Amino acid sequence: MKETKTFFLNGEEYFSEKPINLADIINYFNYNSSLLVLEYNSFICPKKDWNTIFIKDNDTIEIVTIVGGG
């Protein structure tokens, strides 16, 4: 029996039946990892940890992209 995990990304609810980490989410949603800040459960998460943090039920992730202009 698969355990479905619910998580929230930028206020939207998502579900996963397989283990996923923060790097998987960034890749799946095609974010440019060099131009973003990631908040995981209310804490800024350094890029070096994205591969080792796996999503748990009811986790909250906020991704803010950096946009330049002039």
PDB file of N, CA and C in Angstrom:
ATOM      1  N   MET A   1       0.838  -1.182   0.000  1.00  0.00           N
ATOM      2  CA  MET A   1       0.000   0.000   0.000  1.00  0.00           C
ATOM      3  C   MET A   1       0.883   1.245   0.000  1.00  0.00           C
ATOM      4  N   LYS A   2       0.622   2.160  -0.913  1.00  0.00           N
ATOM      5  CA  LYS A   2       1.400   3.378  -1.015  1.00  0.00           C
ATOM      6  C   LYS A   2       0.865   4.424  -0.041  1.00  0.00           C
ATOM      7  N   GLU A   3       1.793   5.161   0.544  1.00  0.00           N
ATOM      8  CA  GLU A   3       1.401   6.241   1.443  1.00  0.00           C
ATOM      9  C   GLU A   3       1.465   7.557   0.678  1.00  0.00           C
ATOM     10  N   THR A   4       0.332   8.202   0.506  1.00  0.00           N
ATOM     11  CA  THR A   4       0.281   9.471  -0.198  1.00  0.00           C
ATOM     12  C   THR A   4       0.616  10.591   0.773  1.00  0.00           C
ATOM     13  N   LYS A   5       1.549  11.447   0.354  1.00  0.00           N
ATOM     14  CA  LYS A   5       1.918  12.607   1.159  1.00  0.00           C
ATOM     15  C   LYS A   5       1.325  13.847   0.510  1.00  0.00           C
ATOM     16  N   THR A   6       0.774  14.708   1.334  1.00  0.00           N
ATOM     17  CA  THR A   6       0.258  15.984   0.895  1.00  0.00           C
ATOM     18  C   THR A   6       1.290  17.044   1.253  1.00  0.00           C
ATOM     19  N   PHE A   7       1.570  17.940   0.300  1.00  0.00           N
ATOM     20  CA  PHE A   7       2.441  19.062   0.621  1.00  0.00           C
ATOM     21  C   PHE A   7       1.916  20.301  -0.085  1.00  0.00           C
ATOM     22  N   PHE A   8       2.385  21.445   0.355  1.00  0.00           N
ATOM     23  CA  PHE A   8       1.910  22.709  -0.179  1.00  0.00           C
ATOM     24  C   PHE A   8       3.082  23.465  -0.785  1.00  0.00           C
ATOM     25  N   LEU A   9       2.940  23.856  -2.037  1.00  0.00           N
ATOM     26  CA  LEU A   9       3.964  24.599  -2.753  1.00  0.00           C
ATOM     27  C   LEU A   9       3.363  25.927  -3.189  1.00  0.00           C
ATOM     28  N   ASN A  10       3.908  27.010  -2.655  1.00  0.00           N
ATOM     29  CA  ASN A  10       3.409  28.359  -2.961  1.00  0.00           C
ATOM     30  C   ASN A  10       1.893  28.449  -2.802  1.00  0.00           C
ATOM     31  N   GLY A  11       1.386  27.835  -1.739  1.00  0.00           N
ATOM     32  CA  GLY A  11      -0.033  27.911  -1.415  1.00  0.00           C
ATOM     33  C   GLY A  11      -0.922  26.901  -2.118  1.00  0.00           C
ATOM     34  N   GLU A  12      -0.387  26.140  -3.057  1.00  0.00           N
ATOM     35  CA  GLU A  12      -1.165  25.130  -3.778  1.00  0.00           C
ATOM     36  C   GLU A  12      -0.913  23.751  -3.176  1.00  0.00           C
ATOM     37  N   GLU A  13      -1.956  22.947  -3.112  1.00  0.00           N
ATOM     38  CA  GLU A  13      -1.857  21.607  -2.543  1.00  0.00           C
ATOM     39  C   GLU A  13      -1.450  20.599  -3.615  1.00  0.00           C
ATOM     40  N   TYR A  14      -0.465  19.751  -3.272  1.00  0.00           N
ATOM     41  CA  TYR A  14       0.018  18.706  -4.171  1.00  0.00           C
ATOM     42  C   TYR A  14       0.100  17.393  -3.405  1.00  0.00           C
ATOM     43  N   PHE A  15       0.162  16.293  -4.167  1.00  0.00           N
ATOM     44  CA  PHE A  15       0.224  14.961  -3.580  1.00  0.00           C
ATOM     45  C   PHE A  15       1.343  14.165  -4.231  1.00  0.00           C
ATOM     46  N   SER A  16       1.976  13.292  -3.466  1.00  0.00           N
ATOM     47  CA  SER A  16       3.004  12.409  -4.016  1.00  0.00           C
ATOM     48  C   SER A  16       2.905  11.050  -3.350  1.00  0.00           C
ATOM     49  N   GLU A  17       3.014  10.000  -4.155  1.00  0.00           N
ATOM     50  CA  GLU A  17       3.018   8.640  -3.624  1.00  0.00           C
ATOM     51  C   GLU A  17       4.430   8.079  -3.528  1.00  0.00           C
ATOM     52  N   LYS A  18       5.399   8.803  -4.079  1.00  0.00           N
ATOM     53  CA  LYS A  18       6.778   8.319  -4.015  1.00  0.00           C
ATOM     54  C   LYS A  18       7.612   9.305  -3.203  1.00  0.00           C
ATOM     55  N   PRO A  19       8.731   8.854  -2.654  1.00  0.00           N
ATOM     56  CA  PRO A  19       9.606   9.773  -1.915  1.00  0.00           C
ATOM     57  C   PRO A  19      10.201  10.816  -2.869  1.00  0.00           C
ATOM     58  N   ILE A  20      10.066  12.078  -2.513  1.00  0.00           N
ATOM     59  CA  ILE A  20      10.647  13.158  -3.311  1.00  0.00           C
ATOM     60  C   ILE A  20      11.376  14.124  -2.392  1.00  0.00           C
ATOM     61  N   ASN A  21      12.422  14.714  -2.916  1.00  0.00           N
ATOM     62  CA  ASN A  21      13.152  15.704  -2.135  1.00  0.00           C
ATOM     63  C   ASN A  21      12.935  17.083  -2.757  1.00  0.00           C
ATOM     64  N   LEU A  22      13.512  18.095  -2.121  1.00  0.00           N
ATOM     65  CA  LEU A  22      13.315  19.454  -2.608  1.00  0.00           C
ATOM     66  C   LEU A  22      13.884  19.647  -4.012  1.00  0.00           C
ATOM     67  N   ALA A  23      15.017  19.035  -4.308  1.00  0.00           N
ATOM     68  CA  ALA A  23      15.607  19.144  -5.648  1.00  0.00           C
ATOM     69  C   ALA A  23      14.673  18.544  -6.698  1.00  0.00           C
ATOM     70  N   ASP A  24      13.998  17.446  -6.373  1.00  0.00           N
ATOM     71  CA  ASP A  24      13.037  16.842  -7.301  1.00  0.00           C
ATOM     72  C   ASP A  24      11.917  17.829  -7.646  1.00  0.00           C
ATOM     73  N   ILE A  25      11.434  18.539  -6.644  1.00  0.00           N
ATOM     74  CA  ILE A  25      10.354  19.509  -6.858  1.00  0.00           C
ATOM     75  C   ILE A  25      10.825  20.646  -7.753  1.00  0.00           C
ATOM     76  N   ILE A  26      12.009  21.160  -7.488  1.00  0.00           N
ATOM     77  CA  ILE A  26      12.553  22.248  -8.297  1.00  0.00           C
ATOM     78  C   ILE A  26      12.701  21.807  -9.752  1.00  0.00           C
ATOM     79  N   ASN A  27      13.201  20.614  -9.966  1.00  0.00           N
ATOM     80  CA  ASN A  27      13.360  20.094 -11.330  1.00  0.00           C
ATOM     81  C   ASN A  27      12.011  19.830 -11.997  1.00  0.00           C
ATOM     82  N   TYR A  28      11.079  19.240 -11.267  1.00  0.00           N
ATOM     83  CA  TYR A  28       9.775  18.908 -11.835  1.00  0.00           C
ATOM     84  C   TYR A  28       9.050  20.159 -12.328  1.00  0.00           C
ATOM     85  N   PHE A  29       9.111  21.234 -11.533  1.00  0.00           N
ATOM     86  CA  PHE A  29       8.412  22.460 -11.902  1.00  0.00           C
ATOM     87  C   PHE A  29       9.284  23.390 -12.753  1.00  0.00           C
ATOM     88  N   ASN A  30      10.460  22.903 -13.147  1.00  0.00           N
ATOM     89  CA  ASN A  30      11.341  23.606 -14.080  1.00  0.00           C
ATOM     90  C   ASN A  30      11.776  24.987 -13.583  1.00  0.00           C
ATOM     91  N   TYR A  31      12.075  25.080 -12.286  1.00  0.00           N
ATOM     92  CA  TYR A  31      12.623  26.316 -11.739  1.00  0.00           C
ATOM     93  C   TYR A  31      14.106  26.406 -12.069  1.00  0.00           C
ATOM     94  N   ASN A  32      14.598  27.610 -12.268  1.00  0.00           N
ATOM     95  CA  ASN A  32      16.027  27.847 -12.437  1.00  0.00           C
ATOM     96  C   ASN A  32      16.626  27.933 -11.035  1.00  0.00           C
ATOM     97  N   SER A  33      17.341  26.909 -10.622  1.00  0.00           N
ATOM     98  CA  SER A  33      17.816  26.813  -9.241  1.00  0.00           C
ATOM     99  C   SER A  33      18.808  27.905  -8.860  1.00  0.00           C
ATOM    100  N   SER A  34      19.401  28.563  -9.832  1.00  0.00           N
ATOM    101  CA  SER A  34      20.350  29.623  -9.499  1.00  0.00           C
ATOM    102  C   SER A  34      19.649  30.958  -9.241  1.00  0.00           C
ATOM    103  N   LEU A  35      18.351  31.024  -9.529  1.00  0.00           N
ATOM    104  CA  LEU A  35      17.620  32.285  -9.373  1.00  0.00           C
ATOM    105  C   LEU A  35      16.421  32.167  -8.430  1.00  0.00           C
ATOM    106  N   LEU A  36      16.599  31.446  -7.326  1.00  0.00           N
ATOM    107  CA  LEU A  36      15.470  31.316  -6.411  1.00  0.00           C
ATOM    108  C   LEU A  36      15.930  31.222  -4.961  1.00  0.00           C
ATOM    109  N   VAL A  37      14.972  31.497  -4.090  1.00  0.00           N
ATOM    110  CA  VAL A  37      15.132  31.292  -2.657  1.00  0.00           C
ATOM    111  C   VAL A  37      14.046  30.307  -2.253  1.00  0.00           C
ATOM    112  N   LEU A  38      14.405  29.298  -1.484  1.00  0.00           N
ATOM    113  CA  LEU A  38      13.460  28.261  -1.096  1.00  0.00           C
ATOM    114  C   LEU A  38      13.254  28.294   0.414  1.00  0.00           C
ATOM    115  N   GLU A  39      11.988  28.390   0.804  1.00  0.00           N
ATOM    116  CA  GLU A  39      11.623  28.341   2.215  1.00  0.00           C
ATOM    117  C   GLU A  39      10.913  27.011   2.468  1.00  0.00           C
ATOM    118  N   TYR A  40      11.416  26.265   3.440  1.00  0.00           N
ATOM    119  CA  TYR A  40      10.867  24.951   3.762  1.00  0.00           C
ATOM    120  C   TYR A  40      10.384  24.970   5.204  1.00  0.00           C
ATOM    121  N   ASN A  41       9.079  24.833   5.392  1.00  0.00           N
ATOM    122  CA  ASN A  41       8.466  24.881   6.726  1.00  0.00           C
ATOM    123  C   ASN A  41       8.933  26.100   7.509  1.00  0.00           C
ATOM    124  N   SER A  42       8.862  27.257   6.860  1.00  0.00           N
ATOM    125  CA  SER A  42       9.149  28.573   7.450  1.00  0.00           C
ATOM    126  C   SER A  42      10.623  28.875   7.676  1.00  0.00           C
ATOM    127  N   PHE A  43      11.525  28.057   7.145  1.00  0.00           N
ATOM    128  CA  PHE A  43      12.956  28.313   7.270  1.00  0.00           C
ATOM    129  C   PHE A  43      13.592  28.360   5.884  1.00  0.00           C
ATOM    130  N   ILE A  44      14.482  29.333   5.676  1.00  0.00           N
ATOM    131  CA  ILE A  44      15.218  29.398   4.415  1.00  0.00           C
ATOM    132  C   ILE A  44      16.110  28.164   4.336  1.00  0.00           C
ATOM    133  N   CYS A  45      16.046  27.464   3.229  1.00  0.00           N
ATOM    134  CA  CYS A  45      16.778  26.209   3.074  1.00  0.00           C
ATOM    135  C   CYS A  45      17.936  26.405   2.096  1.00  0.00           C
ATOM    136  N   PRO A  46      19.176  26.168   2.549  1.00  0.00           N
ATOM    137  CA  PRO A  46      20.321  26.322   1.648  1.00  0.00           C
ATOM    138  C   PRO A  46      20.302  25.279   0.527  1.00  0.00           C
ATOM    139  N   LYS A  47      20.794  25.690  -0.618  1.00  0.00           N
ATOM    140  CA  LYS A  47      20.807  24.841  -1.807  1.00  0.00           C
ATOM    141  C   LYS A  47      21.526  23.517  -1.560  1.00  0.00           C
ATOM    142  N   LYS A  48      22.559  23.516  -0.727  1.00  0.00           N
ATOM    143  CA  LYS A  48      23.329  22.298  -0.465  1.00  0.00           C
ATOM    144  C   LYS A  48      22.487  21.207   0.202  1.00  0.00           C
ATOM    145  N   ASP A  49      21.351  21.572   0.790  1.00  0.00           N
ATOM    146  CA  ASP A  49      20.500  20.610   1.494  1.00  0.00           C
ATOM    147  C   ASP A  49      19.331  20.092   0.661  1.00  0.00           C
ATOM    148  N   TRP A  50      19.119  20.636  -0.519  1.00  0.00           N
ATOM    149  CA  TRP A  50      17.935  20.289  -1.308  1.00  0.00           C
ATOM    150  C   TRP A  50      17.856  18.811  -1.660  1.00  0.00           C
ATOM    151  N   ASN A  51      18.980  18.159  -1.860  1.00  0.00           N
ATOM    152  CA  ASN A  51      18.962  16.733  -2.217  1.00  0.00           C
ATOM    153  C   ASN A  51      18.723  15.822  -1.021  1.00  0.00           C
ATOM    154  N   THR A  52      18.914  16.325   0.169  1.00  0.00           N
ATOM    155  CA  THR A  52      18.821  15.466   1.356  1.00  0.00           C
ATOM    156  C   THR A  52      17.530  15.660   2.160  1.00  0.00           C
ATOM    157  N   ILE A  53      16.748  16.670   1.817  1.00  0.00           N
ATOM    158  CA  ILE A  53      15.490  16.916   2.536  1.00  0.00           C
ATOM    159  C   ILE A  53      14.345  16.318   1.736  1.00  0.00           C
ATOM    160  N   PHE A  54      13.726  15.285   2.308  1.00  0.00           N
ATOM    161  CA  PHE A  54      12.606  14.616   1.659  1.00  0.00           C
ATOM    162  C   PHE A  54      11.292  15.132   2.230  1.00  0.00           C
ATOM    163  N   ILE A  55      10.318  15.254   1.364  1.00  0.00           N
ATOM    164  CA  ILE A  55       9.019  15.797   1.718  1.00  0.00           C
ATOM    165  C   ILE A  55       8.283  14.851   2.657  1.00  0.00           C
ATOM    166  N   LYS A  56       7.719  15.444   3.706  1.00  0.00           N
ATOM    167  CA  LYS A  56       6.871  14.718   4.648  1.00  0.00           C
ATOM    168  C   LYS A  56       5.456  15.263   4.522  1.00  0.00           C
ATOM    169  N   ASP A  57       4.509  14.546   5.075  1.00  0.00           N
ATOM    170  CA  ASP A  57       3.109  14.949   4.992  1.00  0.00           C
ATOM    171  C   ASP A  57       2.905  16.334   5.597  1.00  0.00           C
ATOM    172  N   ASN A  58       2.184  17.178   4.869  1.00  0.00           N
ATOM    173  CA  ASN A  58       1.813  18.537   5.272  1.00  0.00           C
ATOM    174  C   ASN A  58       2.969  19.530   5.326  1.00  0.00           C
ATOM    175  N   ASP A  59       4.078  19.235   4.653  1.00  0.00           N
ATOM    176  CA  ASP A  59       5.166  20.210   4.551  1.00  0.00           C
ATOM    177  C   ASP A  59       4.710  21.402   3.717  1.00  0.00           C
ATOM    178  N   THR A  60       5.317  22.547   4.014  1.00  0.00           N
ATOM    179  CA  THR A  60       5.027  23.774   3.284  1.00  0.00           C
ATOM    180  C   THR A  60       6.309  24.283   2.640  1.00  0.00           C
ATOM    181  N   ILE A  61       6.239  24.535   1.339  1.00  0.00           N
ATOM    182  CA  ILE A  61       7.393  25.010   0.579  1.00  0.00           C
ATOM    183  C   ILE A  61       6.979  26.294  -0.133  1.00  0.00           C
ATOM    184  N   GLU A  62       7.798  27.307   0.011  1.00  0.00           N
ATOM    185  CA  GLU A  62       7.584  28.552  -0.723  1.00  0.00           C
ATOM    186  C   GLU A  62       8.833  28.782  -1.572  1.00  0.00           C
ATOM    187  N   ILE A  63       8.638  29.040  -2.849  1.00  0.00           N
ATOM    188  CA  ILE A  63       9.745  29.317  -3.750  1.00  0.00           C
ATOM    189  C   ILE A  63       9.545  30.721  -4.305  1.00  0.00           C
ATOM    190  N   VAL A  64      10.571  31.539  -4.113  1.00  0.00           N
ATOM    191  CA  VAL A  64      10.540  32.914  -4.617  1.00  0.00           C
ATOM    192  C   VAL A  64      11.635  33.021  -5.668  1.00  0.00           C
ATOM    193  N   THR A  65      11.256  33.421  -6.866  1.00  0.00           N
ATOM    194  CA  THR A  65      12.246  33.568  -7.934  1.00  0.00           C
ATOM    195  C   THR A  65      12.747  35.005  -7.964  1.00  0.00           C
ATOM    196  N   ILE A  66      14.004  35.144  -8.333  1.00  0.00           N
ATOM    197  CA  ILE A  66      14.644  36.444  -8.424  1.00  0.00           C
ATOM    198  C   ILE A  66      14.575  36.891  -9.885  1.00  0.00           C
ATOM    199  N   VAL A  67      14.044  38.077 -10.102  1.00  0.00           N
ATOM    200  CA  VAL A  67      13.873  38.598 -11.447  1.00  0.00           C
ATOM    201  C   VAL A  67      14.644  39.913 -11.548  1.00  0.00           C
ATOM    202  N   GLY A  68      15.496  39.993 -12.552  1.00  0.00           N
ATOM    203  CA  GLY A  68      16.234  41.236 -12.764  1.00  0.00           C
ATOM    204  C   GLY A  68      15.553  42.089 -13.827  1.00  0.00           C
ATOM    205  N   GLY A  69      15.903  43.311 -13.837  1.00  0.00           N
ATOM    206  CA  GLY A  69      15.331  44.193 -14.838  1.00  0.00           C
ATOM    207  C   GLY A  69      15.971  45.559 -14.764  1.00  0.00           C
ATOM    208  N   GLY A  70      15.534  46.406 -15.591  1.00  0.00           N
ATOM    209  CA  GLY A  70      16.143  47.725 -15.561  1.00  0.00           C
ATOM    210  C   GLY A  70      15.293  48.765 -16.198  1.00  0.00           C
TER     211      GLY A  70
END
